[in-house]
Amino acid sequence: MPKRASDDIDHVPIDPKPKEKPRKPAPEPWEMPHSDPLPLLEYQTSGKAKNPSYIDPKDSYAIFGLLFTDKVIQTLADNTNAYGEAHQPPPTGHERNWKHPTTLGEMRAFLATYIYMGLHSEPSEEQYWNQDKKKGPLHRMSPNT
């Protein structure tokens, strides 16, 4: 009887040379459709943004509000709630039902945290909630902490 590599009854020997699957050829490139560049209206070379006069250029939240209005953020919250209600898990007794709809303020907090985490990269998500200076930097998520 030949000697086995393992005493395990269920041992399945691994093929020492894995077989390479044939690769599909790359698709042929196609010609890009013609497009005209967007015209630049009132082109400036000074490099300054043309914000509305009521926007303080140093107020990043006000500038963010030009792109993400309350209406846009409320739409994100409404769609989050609709998705949560439509995708309820089957009842098992241990699930977390969608009982408390996401609010405008919660969605703002989510977006702020998401942007912050993109700007301040950490090796693990746990480090954003670290409260011990010895374990790494402290990330203050609100002025009260």
N, C-alpha and C. Protein backbone atom coordinates (compact mmCIF):
# COMPACT_ATOMS: atom_id res chain seq x y z
N MET A 1 0.85 -1.18 0.00
CA MET A 1 0.00 0.00 0.00
C MET A 1 0.90 1.24 0.00
N PRO A 2 0.64 2.23 -0.93
CA PRO A 2 1.49 3.42 -0.98
C PRO A 2 1.27 4.30 0.24
N LYS A 3 2.33 4.96 0.65
CA LYS A 3 2.27 5.84 1.80
C LYS A 3 1.48 7.10 1.43
N ARG A 4 0.52 7.48 2.30
CA ARG A 4 -0.28 8.67 2.07
C ARG A 4 0.41 9.89 2.66
N ALA A 5 0.10 11.06 2.10
CA ALA A 5 0.70 12.30 2.58
C ALA A 5 0.07 12.74 3.89
N SER A 6 -1.09 12.18 4.21
CA SER A 6 -1.79 12.60 5.41
C SER A 6 -2.51 11.39 6.01
N ASP A 7 -2.68 11.41 7.32
CA ASP A 7 -3.46 10.37 7.98
C ASP A 7 -4.95 10.67 7.95
N ASP A 8 -5.30 11.83 7.45
CA ASP A 8 -6.70 12.24 7.38
C ASP A 8 -7.41 11.42 6.30
N ILE A 9 -8.51 10.79 6.67
CA ILE A 9 -9.25 9.95 5.73
C ILE A 9 -9.80 10.78 4.58
N ASP A 10 -10.20 12.03 4.89
CA ASP A 10 -10.79 12.88 3.87
C ASP A 10 -9.77 13.69 3.08
N HIS A 11 -8.49 13.40 3.26
CA HIS A 11 -7.45 14.17 2.61
C HIS A 11 -7.57 14.07 1.09
N VAL A 12 -7.56 15.24 0.46
CA VAL A 12 -7.60 15.31 -1.00
C VAL A 12 -6.27 15.91 -1.44
N PRO A 13 -5.46 15.15 -2.17
CA PRO A 13 -4.16 15.69 -2.57
C PRO A 13 -4.34 16.89 -3.50
N ILE A 14 -3.46 17.87 -3.34
CA ILE A 14 -3.50 19.07 -4.16
C ILE A 14 -2.63 18.84 -5.38
N ASP A 15 -3.17 19.17 -6.54
CA ASP A 15 -2.42 19.04 -7.78
C ASP A 15 -1.24 20.01 -7.72
N PRO A 16 -0.01 19.52 -7.83
CA PRO A 16 1.15 20.42 -7.70
C PRO A 16 1.24 21.44 -8.82
N LYS A 17 0.67 21.15 -9.96
CA LYS A 17 0.71 22.08 -11.09
C LYS A 17 -0.72 22.48 -11.44
N PRO A 18 -1.17 23.63 -10.95
CA PRO A 18 -2.54 24.04 -11.31
C PRO A 18 -2.64 24.31 -12.80
N LYS A 19 -3.72 23.89 -13.38
CA LYS A 19 -3.92 24.06 -14.81
C LYS A 19 -4.39 25.48 -15.09
N GLU A 20 -3.74 26.12 -16.04
CA GLU A 20 -4.14 27.47 -16.40
C GLU A 20 -5.31 27.40 -17.36
N LYS A 21 -6.29 28.23 -17.07
CA LYS A 21 -7.43 28.32 -17.96
C LYS A 21 -7.06 29.20 -19.13
N PRO A 22 -7.50 28.82 -20.32
CA PRO A 22 -7.17 29.68 -21.47
C PRO A 22 -7.86 31.04 -21.33
N ARG A 23 -7.11 32.07 -21.61
CA ARG A 23 -7.66 33.42 -21.51
C ARG A 23 -8.43 33.78 -22.76
N LYS A 24 -9.49 34.54 -22.56
CA LYS A 24 -10.25 35.05 -23.70
C LYS A 24 -9.46 36.18 -24.33
N PRO A 25 -9.50 36.30 -25.65
CA PRO A 25 -8.79 37.41 -26.27
C PRO A 25 -9.44 38.75 -25.89
N ALA A 26 -8.62 39.78 -25.83
CA ALA A 26 -9.13 41.12 -25.49
C ALA A 26 -10.09 41.58 -26.58
N PRO A 27 -11.14 42.29 -26.19
CA PRO A 27 -12.09 42.76 -27.21
C PRO A 27 -11.43 43.81 -28.10
N GLU A 28 -11.91 43.89 -29.31
CA GLU A 28 -11.39 44.87 -30.25
C GLU A 28 -11.83 46.27 -29.79
N PRO A 29 -10.92 47.24 -29.86
CA PRO A 29 -11.33 48.60 -29.46
C PRO A 29 -12.32 49.17 -30.46
N TRP A 30 -13.18 50.05 -29.98
CA TRP A 30 -14.16 50.66 -30.85
C TRP A 30 -13.85 52.15 -30.94
N GLU A 31 -14.38 52.75 -31.95
CA GLU A 31 -14.11 54.17 -32.17
C GLU A 31 -14.97 54.99 -31.23
N MET A 32 -14.34 55.97 -30.60
CA MET A 32 -15.08 56.84 -29.69
C MET A 32 -16.00 57.75 -30.49
N PRO A 33 -17.21 57.97 -29.99
CA PRO A 33 -18.11 58.89 -30.70
C PRO A 33 -17.59 60.32 -30.60
N HIS A 34 -17.92 61.12 -31.57
CA HIS A 34 -17.48 62.52 -31.58
C HIS A 34 -18.24 63.29 -30.50
N SER A 35 -17.52 64.14 -29.81
CA SER A 35 -18.18 65.02 -28.84
C SER A 35 -17.43 66.34 -28.81
N ASP A 36 -18.17 67.41 -28.68
CA ASP A 36 -17.56 68.74 -28.58
C ASP A 36 -17.33 69.05 -27.11
N PRO A 37 -16.23 69.70 -26.77
CA PRO A 37 -15.99 70.06 -25.37
C PRO A 37 -17.03 71.07 -24.90
N LEU A 38 -17.30 71.03 -23.60
CA LEU A 38 -18.24 71.99 -23.04
C LEU A 38 -17.63 73.39 -23.10
N PRO A 39 -18.42 74.37 -23.47
CA PRO A 39 -17.86 75.73 -23.52
C PRO A 39 -17.65 76.27 -22.11
N LEU A 40 -16.57 76.99 -21.92
CA LEU A 40 -16.30 77.65 -20.64
C LEU A 40 -16.85 79.06 -20.72
N LEU A 41 -17.82 79.35 -19.89
CA LEU A 41 -18.40 80.68 -19.87
C LEU A 41 -17.60 81.55 -18.92
N GLU A 42 -17.28 82.73 -19.36
CA GLU A 42 -16.54 83.69 -18.54
C GLU A 42 -15.29 83.04 -17.94
N TYR A 43 -14.47 82.49 -18.79
CA TYR A 43 -13.25 81.81 -18.35
C TYR A 43 -12.36 82.78 -17.60
N GLN A 44 -11.92 82.37 -16.41
CA GLN A 44 -11.04 83.19 -15.59
C GLN A 44 -9.71 82.49 -15.41
N THR A 45 -8.65 83.24 -15.41
CA THR A 45 -7.33 82.65 -15.18
C THR A 45 -6.86 82.87 -13.75
N SER A 46 -7.67 83.55 -12.92
CA SER A 46 -7.24 83.86 -11.56
C SER A 46 -7.29 82.66 -10.63
N GLY A 47 -8.04 81.61 -10.99
CA GLY A 47 -8.11 80.41 -10.16
C GLY A 47 -9.07 80.53 -9.00
N LYS A 48 -9.89 81.53 -8.99
CA LYS A 48 -10.86 81.70 -7.90
C LYS A 48 -12.22 81.17 -8.32
N ALA A 49 -12.89 80.50 -7.39
CA ALA A 49 -14.23 79.99 -7.66
C ALA A 49 -15.21 81.15 -7.70
N LYS A 50 -16.20 81.03 -8.55
CA LYS A 50 -17.23 82.07 -8.62
C LYS A 50 -18.43 81.62 -7.80
N ASN A 51 -18.30 81.73 -6.49
CA ASN A 51 -19.39 81.38 -5.59
C ASN A 51 -20.42 82.50 -5.56
N PRO A 52 -21.64 82.15 -5.18
CA PRO A 52 -22.62 83.23 -4.97
C PRO A 52 -22.10 84.22 -3.92
N SER A 53 -22.52 85.46 -4.03
CA SER A 53 -22.00 86.51 -3.14
C SER A 53 -22.29 86.24 -1.67
N TYR A 54 -23.35 85.48 -1.36
CA TYR A 54 -23.70 85.22 0.04
C TYR A 54 -22.90 84.06 0.65
N ILE A 55 -22.04 83.42 -0.12
CA ILE A 55 -21.24 82.28 0.37
C ILE A 55 -19.86 82.77 0.80
N ASP A 56 -19.51 82.48 2.04
CA ASP A 56 -18.17 82.79 2.54
C ASP A 56 -17.22 81.74 1.96
N PRO A 57 -16.20 82.13 1.19
CA PRO A 57 -15.31 81.15 0.57
C PRO A 57 -14.51 80.32 1.58
N LYS A 58 -14.48 80.73 2.83
CA LYS A 58 -13.77 79.97 3.87
C LYS A 58 -14.69 79.00 4.61
N ASP A 59 -15.99 79.06 4.30
CA ASP A 59 -16.97 78.20 4.98
C ASP A 59 -17.21 76.95 4.13
N SER A 60 -16.47 75.88 4.46
CA SER A 60 -16.57 74.66 3.66
C SER A 60 -17.97 74.05 3.72
N TYR A 61 -18.67 74.18 4.84
CA TYR A 61 -20.02 73.64 4.94
C TYR A 61 -20.98 74.37 4.01
N ALA A 62 -20.81 75.69 3.88
CA ALA A 62 -21.67 76.45 2.98
C ALA A 62 -21.41 76.06 1.53
N ILE A 63 -20.15 75.85 1.19
CA ILE A 63 -19.81 75.42 -0.18
C ILE A 63 -20.36 74.02 -0.43
N PHE A 64 -20.24 73.12 0.56
CA PHE A 64 -20.81 71.79 0.43
C PHE A 64 -22.33 71.88 0.20
N GLY A 65 -22.97 72.83 0.89
CA GLY A 65 -24.41 73.01 0.76
C GLY A 65 -24.85 73.44 -0.63
N LEU A 66 -23.94 74.00 -1.41
CA LEU A 66 -24.29 74.34 -2.79
C LEU A 66 -24.50 73.08 -3.62
N LEU A 67 -23.76 72.02 -3.30
CA LEU A 67 -23.87 70.76 -4.04
C LEU A 67 -24.89 69.82 -3.42
N PHE A 68 -24.88 69.74 -2.10
CA PHE A 68 -25.79 68.84 -1.37
C PHE A 68 -26.76 69.70 -0.58
N THR A 69 -27.84 70.09 -1.23
CA THR A 69 -28.87 70.88 -0.56
C THR A 69 -29.65 70.00 0.40
N ASP A 70 -30.44 70.62 1.27
CA ASP A 70 -31.29 69.84 2.18
C ASP A 70 -32.23 68.92 1.40
N LYS A 71 -32.69 69.40 0.24
CA LYS A 71 -33.59 68.58 -0.57
C LYS A 71 -32.87 67.32 -1.07
N VAL A 72 -31.63 67.45 -1.50
CA VAL A 72 -30.85 66.30 -1.99
C VAL A 72 -30.59 65.32 -0.84
N ILE A 73 -30.19 65.85 0.32
CA ILE A 73 -29.90 64.98 1.46
C ILE A 73 -31.17 64.30 1.96
N GLN A 74 -32.30 65.02 1.94
CA GLN A 74 -33.57 64.40 2.34
C GLN A 74 -33.96 63.30 1.37
N THR A 75 -33.68 63.47 0.08
CA THR A 75 -33.94 62.41 -0.90
C THR A 75 -33.10 61.18 -0.60
N LEU A 76 -31.83 61.38 -0.23
CA LEU A 76 -30.98 60.25 0.16
C LEU A 76 -31.57 59.53 1.37
N ALA A 77 -32.03 60.29 2.37
CA ALA A 77 -32.62 59.69 3.56
C ALA A 77 -33.91 58.94 3.21
N ASP A 78 -34.76 59.54 2.38
CA ASP A 78 -36.02 58.89 1.98
C ASP A 78 -35.74 57.59 1.22
N ASN A 79 -34.77 57.61 0.33
CA ASN A 79 -34.44 56.40 -0.43
C ASN A 79 -33.82 55.33 0.46
N THR A 80 -33.03 55.76 1.44
CA THR A 80 -32.48 54.81 2.41
C THR A 80 -33.62 54.13 3.18
N ASN A 81 -34.60 54.92 3.60
CA ASN A 81 -35.74 54.36 4.33
C ASN A 81 -36.57 53.43 3.46
N ALA A 82 -36.79 53.82 2.21
CA ALA A 82 -37.57 52.96 1.31
C ALA A 82 -36.85 51.64 1.09
N TYR A 83 -35.53 51.67 0.93
CA TYR A 83 -34.77 50.44 0.75
C TYR A 83 -34.85 49.58 2.01
N GLY A 84 -34.71 50.20 3.17
CA GLY A 84 -34.78 49.45 4.43
C GLY A 84 -36.13 48.78 4.63
N GLU A 85 -37.19 49.47 4.28
CA GLU A 85 -38.53 48.89 4.42
C GLU A 85 -38.76 47.78 3.41
N ALA A 86 -38.23 47.94 2.21
CA ALA A 86 -38.45 46.94 1.15
C ALA A 86 -37.61 45.69 1.35
N HIS A 87 -36.55 45.77 2.10
CA HIS A 87 -35.64 44.64 2.27
C HIS A 87 -35.59 44.17 3.72
N GLN A 88 -36.75 44.02 4.31
CA GLN A 88 -36.83 43.50 5.68
C GLN A 88 -36.41 42.04 5.67
N PRO A 89 -35.63 41.61 6.67
CA PRO A 89 -35.26 40.19 6.73
C PRO A 89 -36.47 39.36 7.12
N PRO A 90 -36.48 38.08 6.77
CA PRO A 90 -37.59 37.22 7.18
C PRO A 90 -37.63 37.12 8.71
N PRO A 91 -38.82 37.02 9.29
CA PRO A 91 -38.91 37.01 10.75
C PRO A 91 -38.28 35.75 11.36
N THR A 92 -37.31 35.99 12.24
CA THR A 92 -36.67 34.88 12.96
C THR A 92 -36.69 35.12 14.46
N GLY A 93 -37.04 36.34 14.86
CA GLY A 93 -37.03 36.68 16.28
C GLY A 93 -35.75 37.38 16.70
N HIS A 94 -34.72 37.36 15.83
CA HIS A 94 -33.44 37.98 16.18
C HIS A 94 -33.08 39.14 15.25
N GLU A 95 -33.94 39.44 14.28
CA GLU A 95 -33.60 40.47 13.30
C GLU A 95 -33.85 41.86 13.88
N ARG A 96 -33.24 42.84 13.25
CA ARG A 96 -33.43 44.23 13.63
C ARG A 96 -34.35 44.85 12.58
N ASN A 97 -35.57 45.10 12.93
CA ASN A 97 -36.53 45.66 11.99
C ASN A 97 -36.24 47.14 11.74
N TRP A 98 -36.69 47.60 10.59
CA TRP A 98 -36.53 48.99 10.21
C TRP A 98 -37.62 49.79 10.90
N LYS A 99 -37.37 50.19 12.14
CA LYS A 99 -38.40 50.87 12.93
C LYS A 99 -38.22 52.38 12.96
N HIS A 100 -36.98 52.83 12.93
CA HIS A 100 -36.71 54.26 13.06
C HIS A 100 -36.14 54.79 11.76
N PRO A 101 -36.94 55.54 11.01
CA PRO A 101 -36.46 56.03 9.72
C PRO A 101 -35.25 56.95 9.87
N THR A 102 -34.39 56.93 8.87
CA THR A 102 -33.23 57.81 8.83
C THR A 102 -33.69 59.24 8.63
N THR A 103 -33.13 60.15 9.41
CA THR A 103 -33.53 61.56 9.34
C THR A 103 -32.52 62.36 8.51
N LEU A 104 -32.90 63.58 8.22
CA LEU A 104 -32.02 64.49 7.50
C LEU A 104 -30.72 64.69 8.27
N GLY A 105 -30.81 64.90 9.58
CA GLY A 105 -29.62 65.10 10.41
C GLY A 105 -28.72 63.87 10.43
N GLU A 106 -29.31 62.69 10.51
CA GLU A 106 -28.51 61.46 10.50
C GLU A 106 -27.78 61.28 9.16
N MET A 107 -28.47 61.63 8.08
CA MET A 107 -27.84 61.50 6.76
C MET A 107 -26.71 62.51 6.62
N ARG A 108 -26.89 63.73 7.16
CA ARG A 108 -25.79 64.71 7.15
C ARG A 108 -24.60 64.16 7.93
N ALA A 109 -24.86 63.58 9.10
CA ALA A 109 -23.79 63.02 9.92
C ALA A 109 -23.08 61.89 9.19
N PHE A 110 -23.85 61.04 8.50
CA PHE A 110 -23.25 59.94 7.73
C PHE A 110 -22.34 60.49 6.64
N LEU A 111 -22.83 61.47 5.87
CA LEU A 111 -22.03 62.04 4.79
C LEU A 111 -20.77 62.71 5.34
N ALA A 112 -20.90 63.43 6.45
CA ALA A 112 -19.74 64.09 7.05
C ALA A 112 -18.71 63.05 7.49
N THR A 113 -19.16 61.99 8.13
CA THR A 113 -18.24 60.93 8.57
C THR A 113 -17.59 60.26 7.38
N TYR A 114 -18.36 59.99 6.36
CA TYR A 114 -17.85 59.33 5.16
C TYR A 114 -16.77 60.18 4.48
N ILE A 115 -17.02 61.48 4.35
CA ILE A 115 -16.04 62.38 3.74
C ILE A 115 -14.81 62.48 4.63
N TYR A 116 -15.02 62.63 5.94
CA TYR A 116 -13.90 62.72 6.88
C TYR A 116 -13.00 61.48 6.79
N MET A 117 -13.61 60.30 6.76
CA MET A 117 -12.84 59.07 6.69
C MET A 117 -12.09 58.96 5.37
N GLY A 118 -12.60 59.58 4.31
CA GLY A 118 -11.89 59.60 3.05
C GLY A 118 -10.70 60.54 3.07
N LEU A 119 -10.80 61.62 3.85
CA LEU A 119 -9.71 62.59 3.94
C LEU A 119 -8.64 62.18 4.94
N HIS A 120 -9.05 61.51 6.01
CA HIS A 120 -8.13 61.09 7.08
C HIS A 120 -8.10 59.57 7.12
N SER A 121 -7.24 58.98 6.33
CA SER A 121 -7.20 57.53 6.19
C SER A 121 -6.53 56.87 7.40
N GLU A 122 -7.14 55.84 7.92
CA GLU A 122 -6.60 55.04 9.03
C GLU A 122 -6.53 53.59 8.59
N PRO A 123 -5.64 52.79 9.18
CA PRO A 123 -5.50 51.38 8.79
C PRO A 123 -6.75 50.54 9.08
N SER A 124 -7.52 50.90 10.10
CA SER A 124 -8.73 50.13 10.41
C SER A 124 -9.83 51.08 10.85
N GLU A 125 -11.08 50.65 10.65
CA GLU A 125 -12.22 51.49 11.02
C GLU A 125 -12.29 51.74 12.52
N GLU A 126 -11.82 50.78 13.31
CA GLU A 126 -11.87 50.93 14.76
C GLU A 126 -11.08 52.15 15.23
N GLN A 127 -10.04 52.53 14.50
CA GLN A 127 -9.20 53.64 14.93
C GLN A 127 -9.90 54.99 14.87
N TYR A 128 -10.97 55.10 14.09
CA TYR A 128 -11.71 56.36 14.05
C TYR A 128 -12.46 56.60 15.37
N TRP A 129 -12.75 55.55 16.11
CA TRP A 129 -13.51 55.67 17.36
C TRP A 129 -12.60 55.52 18.58
N ASN A 130 -11.28 55.50 18.35
CA ASN A 130 -10.30 55.38 19.42
C ASN A 130 -10.42 56.54 20.41
N GLN A 131 -10.39 56.24 21.71
CA GLN A 131 -10.44 57.26 22.75
C GLN A 131 -9.16 57.30 23.57
N ASP A 132 -8.15 56.52 23.19
CA ASP A 132 -6.90 56.42 23.94
C ASP A 132 -5.76 56.97 23.09
N LYS A 133 -5.15 58.08 23.53
CA LYS A 133 -4.06 58.70 22.77
C LYS A 133 -2.88 57.76 22.57
N LYS A 134 -2.71 56.80 23.48
CA LYS A 134 -1.59 55.87 23.37
C LYS A 134 -1.77 54.90 22.20
N LYS A 135 -3.02 54.70 21.77
CA LYS A 135 -3.30 53.75 20.69
C LYS A 135 -3.37 54.41 19.31
N GLY A 136 -3.23 55.73 19.27
CA GLY A 136 -3.27 56.41 17.99
C GLY A 136 -3.96 57.75 18.10
N PRO A 137 -4.15 58.42 16.96
CA PRO A 137 -4.77 59.74 16.99
C PRO A 137 -6.23 59.68 17.40
N LEU A 138 -6.67 60.76 18.03
CA LEU A 138 -8.08 60.88 18.40
C LEU A 138 -8.79 61.65 17.29
N HIS A 139 -9.91 61.13 16.85
CA HIS A 139 -10.71 61.79 15.81
C HIS A 139 -11.96 62.33 16.48
N ARG A 140 -12.00 63.61 16.64
CA ARG A 140 -13.15 64.26 17.27
C ARG A 140 -14.25 64.43 16.21
N MET A 141 -15.38 63.75 16.42
CA MET A 141 -16.46 63.79 15.44
C MET A 141 -17.47 64.89 15.73
N SER A 142 -17.38 65.52 16.89
CA SER A 142 -18.25 66.63 17.21
C SER A 142 -17.51 67.56 18.15
N PRO A 143 -17.91 68.83 18.25
CA PRO A 143 -17.21 69.75 19.13
C PRO A 143 -17.38 69.41 20.60
N ASN A 144 -18.33 68.56 20.94
CA ASN A 144 -18.59 68.22 22.35
C ASN A 144 -17.75 67.06 22.85
N THR A 145 -16.95 66.42 21.99
CA THR A 145 -16.17 65.25 22.44
C THR A 145 -14.72 65.59 22.64
